[in-house]
Amino acid sequence: MALPAKLSDLPIGSTTTLGQANITTPQPSTTTSTTTNTRSYLDVATATPAPSQVPVVLFSNLPTSTNCVWYKSTSHHSVFFTPPTDSTLTSEFWTALRASVPTAFTLGISLPHCQLLMHELHLTNSTICTKLCSKGFLVGGQTYFPSMGIAPGTKILHISVSQLSYLPSPLLEEAIKTALAAYGTVRKVGLHLHANFFDGTGFAYLE
């Protein structure tokens, strides 16, 4: 996923239509003396589901790692991890990591400097990064999942979508992906459920 891409910024005030419904993209708000319902970019980008809403993934080509935290890479293809603090597992950890990545795909490693214990492993391509973060590797009966690195120059946007059409899942997925494709690569699309029913809102990750 870490491949750098030439991205076009979201145009200010743009709205994409899905059938009779709209996907509202983040837009900056302006301060006026009158009351307005306009939501600022920060409001939309950081919006979280209401307590009664349950997010579910409709589509994703992101790694299936349990670790959702990504870090800014210093190279185009890298993953981040923290070795176990238990010294009895140190040797087993490095052996398992080494076995998980063929030597031909390994470029090197950056040891911790600013963040305690955080290591950055530099690899040759995004495919091997995704595979390592998705499958992880077993150490002492526990599976370790490295975190994906975000390549220099790459932007990841998390946006909220609303007023979605009520369509079968395959059609809704395709409609959302098509509508957002102009703004970047659609990496993930999710919906919000209320009492196990789709409520017409959701979210998306764009690269």
C-alpha atoms as a PDB file:
ATOM      1  CA  MET A   1       0.000   0.000   0.000  1.00  0.00           C
ATOM      2  CA  ALA A   2       2.949   2.200   0.546  1.00  0.00           C
ATOM      3  CA  LEU A   3       3.518   2.955  -3.149  1.00  0.00           C
ATOM      4  CA  PRO A   4       3.759   6.746  -3.521  1.00  0.00           C
ATOM      5  CA  ALA A   5       1.079   8.110  -5.794  1.00  0.00           C
ATOM      6  CA  LYS A   6       0.428  11.384  -7.514  1.00  0.00           C
ATOM      7  CA  LEU A   7      -2.646  12.591  -5.745  1.00  0.00           C
ATOM      8  CA  SER A   8      -4.982  15.420  -6.531  1.00  0.00           C
ATOM      9  CA  ASP A   9      -6.250  17.260  -3.491  1.00  0.00           C
ATOM     10  CA  LEU A  10      -9.983  17.190  -2.843  1.00  0.00           C
ATOM     11  CA  PRO A  11     -11.509  20.256  -4.522  1.00  0.00           C
ATOM     12  CA  ILE A  12     -13.068  22.708  -2.155  1.00  0.00           C
ATOM     13  CA  GLY A  13     -16.815  22.459  -1.979  1.00  0.00           C
ATOM     14  CA  SER A  14     -17.156  19.415  -4.238  1.00  0.00           C
ATOM     15  CA  THR A  15     -20.023  16.955  -3.942  1.00  0.00           C
ATOM     16  CA  THR A  16     -20.286  13.615  -5.694  1.00  0.00           C
ATOM     17  CA  THR A  17     -23.683  12.161  -6.576  1.00  0.00           C
ATOM     18  CA  LEU A  18     -24.655   8.506  -6.244  1.00  0.00           C
ATOM     19  CA  GLY A  19     -28.026   8.070  -7.901  1.00  0.00           C
ATOM     20  CA  GLN A  20     -30.268  10.289  -5.837  1.00  0.00           C
ATOM     21  CA  ALA A  21     -27.837  10.524  -2.936  1.00  0.00           C
ATOM     22  CA  ASN A  22     -24.658  12.433  -2.300  1.00  0.00           C
ATOM     23  CA  ILE A  23     -21.235  11.606  -0.893  1.00  0.00           C
ATOM     24  CA  THR A  24     -20.123  14.755   0.826  1.00  0.00           C
ATOM     25  CA  THR A  25     -16.382  15.363   0.762  1.00  0.00           C
ATOM     26  CA  PRO A  26     -14.568  17.352   3.501  1.00  0.00           C
ATOM     27  CA  GLN A  27     -14.574  21.104   2.923  1.00  0.00           C
ATOM     28  CA  PRO A  28     -13.284  24.024   4.972  1.00  0.00           C
ATOM     29  CA  SER A  29     -15.838  26.127   6.798  1.00  0.00           C
ATOM     30  CA  THR A  30     -15.825  29.879   7.078  1.00  0.00           C
ATOM     31  CA  THR A  31     -16.756  31.878  10.137  1.00  0.00           C
ATOM     32  CA  THR A  32     -19.746  34.177   9.688  1.00  0.00           C
ATOM     33  CA  SER A  33     -22.022  36.090  11.984  1.00  0.00           C
ATOM     34  CA  THR A  34     -25.023  33.900  11.117  1.00  0.00           C
ATOM     35  CA  THR A  35     -25.713  30.348  12.259  1.00  0.00           C
ATOM     36  CA  THR A  36     -24.760  27.717   9.665  1.00  0.00           C
ATOM     37  CA  ASN A  37     -24.891  23.939   9.404  1.00  0.00           C
ATOM     38  CA  THR A  38     -21.693  23.752   7.343  1.00  0.00           C
ATOM     39  CA  ARG A  39     -19.283  21.184   8.765  1.00  0.00           C
ATOM     40  CA  SER A  40     -15.596  22.004   8.778  1.00  0.00           C
ATOM     41  CA  TYR A  41     -12.945  19.716   7.289  1.00  0.00           C
ATOM     42  CA  LEU A  42     -11.801  18.813  10.800  1.00  0.00           C
ATOM     43  CA  ASP A  43     -15.339  17.909  11.859  1.00  0.00           C
ATOM     44  CA  VAL A  44     -15.825  15.592   8.900  1.00  0.00           C
ATOM     45  CA  ALA A  45     -12.375  14.043   8.828  1.00  0.00           C
ATOM     46  CA  THR A  46     -12.459  13.176  12.510  1.00  0.00           C
ATOM     47  CA  ALA A  47     -16.118  12.211  12.703  1.00  0.00           C
ATOM     48  CA  THR A  48     -16.788   9.098  14.757  1.00  0.00           C
ATOM     49  CA  PRO A  49     -19.886   6.905  14.737  1.00  0.00           C
ATOM     50  CA  ALA A  50     -22.620   7.702  17.219  1.00  0.00           C
ATOM     51  CA  PRO A  51     -22.772   5.335  20.230  1.00  0.00           C
ATOM     52  CA  SER A  52     -25.657   3.464  18.577  1.00  0.00           C
ATOM     53  CA  GLN A  53     -23.738   3.016  15.309  1.00  0.00           C
ATOM     54  CA  VAL A  54     -21.595  -0.014  14.550  1.00  0.00           C
ATOM     55  CA  PRO A  55     -19.020   0.295  11.729  1.00  0.00           C
ATOM     56  CA  VAL A  56     -18.675  -2.641   9.340  1.00  0.00           C
ATOM     57  CA  VAL A  57     -16.241  -3.015   6.435  1.00  0.00           C
ATOM     58  CA  LEU A  58     -17.848  -3.175   2.996  1.00  0.00           C
ATOM     59  CA  PHE A  59     -14.579  -3.256   1.018  1.00  0.00           C
ATOM     60  CA  SER A  60     -10.876  -3.169   1.884  1.00  0.00           C
ATOM     61  CA  ASN A  61      -7.567  -3.838   0.190  1.00  0.00           C
ATOM     62  CA  LEU A  62      -5.619  -2.849   3.271  1.00  0.00           C
ATOM     63  CA  PRO A  63      -3.627  -5.440   5.258  1.00  0.00           C
ATOM     64  CA  THR A  64      -5.783  -7.464   7.627  1.00  0.00           C
ATOM     65  CA  SER A  65      -3.430  -6.707  10.489  1.00  0.00           C
ATOM     66  CA  THR A  66      -4.885  -6.208  13.954  1.00  0.00           C
ATOM     67  CA  ASN A  67      -2.653  -3.154  14.227  1.00  0.00           C
ATOM     68  CA  CYS A  68      -4.403  -0.197  12.572  1.00  0.00           C
ATOM     69  CA  VAL A  69      -1.645   2.304  13.367  1.00  0.00           C
ATOM     70  CA  TRP A  70       0.514   3.289  10.411  1.00  0.00           C
ATOM     71  CA  TYR A  71       3.782   5.217  10.597  1.00  0.00           C
ATOM     72  CA  LYS A  72       5.519   7.620   8.252  1.00  0.00           C
ATOM     73  CA  SER A  73       8.261   5.724   6.436  1.00  0.00           C
ATOM     74  CA  THR A  74      11.739   6.928   5.615  1.00  0.00           C
ATOM     75  CA  SER A  75      11.784   4.764   2.461  1.00  0.00           C
ATOM     76  CA  HIS A  76       9.205   3.777  -0.154  1.00  0.00           C
ATOM     77  CA  HIS A  77       8.515   0.281   1.211  1.00  0.00           C
ATOM     78  CA  SER A  78       8.851  -0.423   4.921  1.00  0.00           C
ATOM     79  CA  VAL A  79       7.072  -1.833   7.967  1.00  0.00           C
ATOM     80  CA  PHE A  80       7.379  -0.975  11.648  1.00  0.00           C
ATOM     81  CA  PHE A  81       7.497  -3.255  14.678  1.00  0.00           C
ATOM     82  CA  THR A  82       8.475  -3.402  18.321  1.00  0.00           C
ATOM     83  CA  PRO A  83      10.375  -6.499  19.522  1.00  0.00           C
ATOM     84  CA  PRO A  84       9.148  -8.192  22.713  1.00  0.00           C
ATOM     85  CA  THR A  85      10.531  -6.783  25.943  1.00  0.00           C
ATOM     86  CA  ASP A  86      10.935 -10.313  27.329  1.00  0.00           C
ATOM     87  CA  SER A  87      14.623 -11.082  26.746  1.00  0.00           C
ATOM     88  CA  THR A  88      13.902 -14.822  26.619  1.00  0.00           C
ATOM     89  CA  LEU A  89      11.972 -14.234  23.361  1.00  0.00           C
ATOM     90  CA  THR A  90      14.543 -11.993  21.672  1.00  0.00           C
ATOM     91  CA  SER A  91      16.333 -14.707  19.735  1.00  0.00           C
ATOM     92  CA  GLU A  92      13.081 -16.427  18.726  1.00  0.00           C
ATOM     93  CA  PHE A  93      11.598 -13.113  17.586  1.00  0.00           C
ATOM     94  CA  TRP A  94      14.428 -12.217  15.226  1.00  0.00           C
ATOM     95  CA  THR A  95      14.601 -15.768  13.887  1.00  0.00           C
ATOM     96  CA  ALA A  96      10.856 -15.748  13.134  1.00  0.00           C
ATOM     97  CA  LEU A  97      11.042 -12.324  11.478  1.00  0.00           C
ATOM     98  CA  ARG A  98      13.994 -13.385   9.379  1.00  0.00           C
ATOM     99  CA  ALA A  99      12.140 -16.505   8.265  1.00  0.00           C
ATOM    100  CA  SER A 100       9.081 -14.423   7.317  1.00  0.00           C
ATOM    101  CA  VAL A 101      10.941 -12.253   4.825  1.00  0.00           C
ATOM    102  CA  PRO A 102      13.160 -13.808   2.129  1.00  0.00           C
ATOM    103  CA  THR A 103      16.634 -12.286   2.083  1.00  0.00           C
ATOM    104  CA  ALA A 104      16.167 -11.150  -1.518  1.00  0.00           C
ATOM    105  CA  PHE A 105      13.341  -8.807  -0.425  1.00  0.00           C
ATOM    106  CA  THR A 106      15.148  -7.243   2.548  1.00  0.00           C
ATOM    107  CA  LEU A 107      17.084  -3.987   2.169  1.00  0.00           C
ATOM    108  CA  GLY A 108      17.945  -3.278   5.794  1.00  0.00           C
ATOM    109  CA  ILE A 109      16.695  -2.038   9.136  1.00  0.00           C
ATOM    110  CA  SER A 110      16.600   1.286  10.994  1.00  0.00           C
ATOM    111  CA  LEU A 111      17.171   0.913  14.728  1.00  0.00           C
ATOM    112  CA  PRO A 112      15.300   3.037  17.311  1.00  0.00           C
ATOM    113  CA  HIS A 113      16.294   6.638  17.819  1.00  0.00           C
ATOM    114  CA  CYS A 114      13.272   8.864  18.541  1.00  0.00           C
ATOM    115  CA  GLN A 115      10.671   6.263  19.490  1.00  0.00           C
ATOM    116  CA  LEU A 116      11.716   3.733  22.088  1.00  0.00           C
ATOM    117  CA  LEU A 117      12.038   0.202  20.679  1.00  0.00           C
ATOM    118  CA  MET A 118      10.344   1.058  17.357  1.00  0.00           C
ATOM    119  CA  HIS A 119      12.206  -0.536  14.430  1.00  0.00           C
ATOM    120  CA  GLU A 120      11.703   0.125  10.708  1.00  0.00           C
ATOM    121  CA  LEU A 121      12.349  -2.740   8.292  1.00  0.00           C
ATOM    122  CA  HIS A 122      13.035  -1.645   4.705  1.00  0.00           C
ATOM    123  CA  LEU A 123      11.781  -3.991   1.973  1.00  0.00           C
ATOM    124  CA  THR A 124      11.873  -4.068  -1.818  1.00  0.00           C
ATOM    125  CA  ASN A 125       8.184  -3.732  -2.698  1.00  0.00           C
ATOM    126  CA  SER A 126       4.696  -3.087  -1.329  1.00  0.00           C
ATOM    127  CA  THR A 127       3.552  -6.674  -1.908  1.00  0.00           C
ATOM    128  CA  ILE A 128       5.986  -8.126   0.623  1.00  0.00           C
ATOM    129  CA  CYS A 129       5.059  -5.330   3.090  1.00  0.00           C
ATOM    130  CA  THR A 130       1.366  -6.150   2.794  1.00  0.00           C
ATOM    131  CA  LYS A 131       1.991  -9.880   3.140  1.00  0.00           C
ATOM    132  CA  LEU A 132       4.068  -9.447   6.296  1.00  0.00           C
ATOM    133  CA  CYS A 133       1.528  -7.106   7.930  1.00  0.00           C
ATOM    134  CA  SER A 134      -1.404  -9.327   6.973  1.00  0.00           C
ATOM    135  CA  LYS A 135      -0.022 -12.690   8.083  1.00  0.00           C
ATOM    136  CA  GLY A 136       2.335 -11.656  10.865  1.00  0.00           C
ATOM    137  CA  PHE A 137       4.675 -14.209  12.411  1.00  0.00           C
ATOM    138  CA  LEU A 138       4.498 -16.435  15.466  1.00  0.00           C
ATOM    139  CA  VAL A 139       6.727 -15.872  18.505  1.00  0.00           C
ATOM    140  CA  GLY A 140       6.243 -17.644  21.820  1.00  0.00           C
ATOM    141  CA  GLY A 141       2.679 -18.604  20.997  1.00  0.00           C
ATOM    142  CA  GLN A 142       1.746 -15.026  20.032  1.00  0.00           C
ATOM    143  CA  THR A 143       1.365 -13.644  16.517  1.00  0.00           C
ATOM    144  CA  TYR A 144       3.169 -10.351  15.883  1.00  0.00           C
ATOM    145  CA  PHE A 145       1.715  -8.031  13.217  1.00  0.00           C
ATOM    146  CA  PRO A 146       4.064  -5.284  11.967  1.00  0.00           C
ATOM    147  CA  SER A 147       2.514  -1.928  11.064  1.00  0.00           C
ATOM    148  CA  MET A 148       2.463  -0.590   7.521  1.00  0.00           C
ATOM    149  CA  GLY A 149       4.631   2.375   6.699  1.00  0.00           C
ATOM    150  CA  ILE A 150       3.289   5.296   4.679  1.00  0.00           C
ATOM    151  CA  ALA A 151       5.756   6.127   1.902  1.00  0.00           C
ATOM    152  CA  PRO A 152       7.147   9.672   1.641  1.00  0.00           C
ATOM    153  CA  GLY A 153       4.844  11.840  -0.466  1.00  0.00           C
ATOM    154  CA  THR A 154       1.794   9.627   0.113  1.00  0.00           C
ATOM    155  CA  LYS A 155      -1.376  10.970   1.739  1.00  0.00           C
ATOM    156  CA  ILE A 156      -4.008   8.882   3.517  1.00  0.00           C
ATOM    157  CA  LEU A 157      -7.412  10.534   3.908  1.00  0.00           C
ATOM    158  CA  HIS A 158     -10.167   9.289   6.212  1.00  0.00           C
ATOM    159  CA  ILE A 159     -13.496  10.771   5.214  1.00  0.00           C
ATOM    160  CA  SER A 160     -17.078  10.337   6.332  1.00  0.00           C
ATOM    161  CA  VAL A 161     -19.837   9.715   3.772  1.00  0.00           C
ATOM    162  CA  SER A 162     -23.551  10.288   4.200  1.00  0.00           C
ATOM    163  CA  GLN A 163     -26.883  10.240   2.343  1.00  0.00           C
ATOM    164  CA  LEU A 164     -25.898   6.995   0.625  1.00  0.00           C
ATOM    165  CA  SER A 165     -28.347   5.148  -1.612  1.00  0.00           C
ATOM    166  CA  TYR A 166     -30.010   2.024  -0.249  1.00  0.00           C
ATOM    167  CA  LEU A 167     -28.653  -0.591  -2.634  1.00  0.00           C
ATOM    168  CA  PRO A 168     -27.490  -4.217  -2.449  1.00  0.00           C
ATOM    169  CA  SER A 169     -23.960  -4.359  -1.039  1.00  0.00           C
ATOM    170  CA  PRO A 170     -22.145  -5.106  -4.354  1.00  0.00           C
ATOM    171  CA  LEU A 171     -23.873  -2.195  -6.107  1.00  0.00           C
ATOM    172  CA  LEU A 172     -23.332   0.177  -3.193  1.00  0.00           C
ATOM    173  CA  GLU A 173     -19.641  -0.743  -2.977  1.00  0.00           C
ATOM    174  CA  GLU A 174     -19.133  -0.128  -6.686  1.00  0.00           C
ATOM    175  CA  ALA A 175     -21.050   3.163  -6.584  1.00  0.00           C
ATOM    176  CA  ILE A 176     -18.971   4.525  -3.688  1.00  0.00           C
ATOM    177  CA  LYS A 177     -15.669   3.414  -5.213  1.00  0.00           C
ATOM    178  CA  THR A 178     -16.602   4.955  -8.570  1.00  0.00           C
ATOM    179  CA  ALA A 179     -17.662   8.250  -6.997  1.00  0.00           C
ATOM    180  CA  LEU A 180     -14.484   8.596  -4.924  1.00  0.00           C
ATOM    181  CA  ALA A 181     -12.032   7.350  -7.572  1.00  0.00           C
ATOM    182  CA  ALA A 182     -11.439  10.892  -8.843  1.00  0.00           C
ATOM    183  CA  TYR A 183      -9.851  11.825  -5.521  1.00  0.00           C
ATOM    184  CA  GLY A 184      -7.380   8.935  -5.202  1.00  0.00           C
ATOM    185  CA  THR A 185      -7.158   5.187  -4.732  1.00  0.00           C
ATOM    186  CA  VAL A 186     -10.025   3.877  -2.614  1.00  0.00           C
ATOM    187  CA  ARG A 187      -8.419   1.650  -0.003  1.00  0.00           C
ATOM    188  CA  LYS A 188     -11.320   0.932   2.299  1.00  0.00           C
ATOM    189  CA  VAL A 189     -15.060   1.529   2.485  1.00  0.00           C
ATOM    190  CA  GLY A 190     -17.187   0.968   5.561  1.00  0.00           C
ATOM    191  CA  LEU A 191     -20.821   1.392   6.516  1.00  0.00           C
ATOM    192  CA  HIS A 192     -22.550   2.238   9.775  1.00  0.00           C
ATOM    193  CA  LEU A 193     -25.262  -0.008  11.168  1.00  0.00           C
ATOM    194  CA  HIS A 194     -27.977   1.071  13.592  1.00  0.00           C
ATOM    195  CA  ALA A 195     -29.571  -1.899  15.397  1.00  0.00           C
ATOM    196  CA  ASN A 196     -27.994  -4.040  12.651  1.00  0.00           C
ATOM    197  CA  PHE A 197     -29.578  -1.969   9.868  1.00  0.00           C
ATOM    198  CA  PHE A 198     -27.626   0.216   7.421  1.00  0.00           C
ATOM    199  CA  ASP A 199     -28.406   3.865   8.268  1.00  0.00           C
ATOM    200  CA  GLY A 200     -27.203   5.526   5.063  1.00  0.00           C
ATOM    201  CA  THR A 201     -23.819   6.687   6.416  1.00  0.00           C
ATOM    202  CA  GLY A 202     -20.290   5.313   6.356  1.00  0.00           C
ATOM    203  CA  PHE A 203     -16.619   6.104   5.892  1.00  0.00           C
ATOM    204  CA  ALA A 204     -13.758   5.626   3.441  1.00  0.00           C
ATOM    205  CA  TYR A 205      -9.961   5.666   3.308  1.00  0.00           C
ATOM    206  CA  LEU A 206      -8.309   7.177   0.241  1.00  0.00           C
ATOM    207  CA  GLU A 207      -4.666   7.167  -0.801  1.00  0.00           C
END
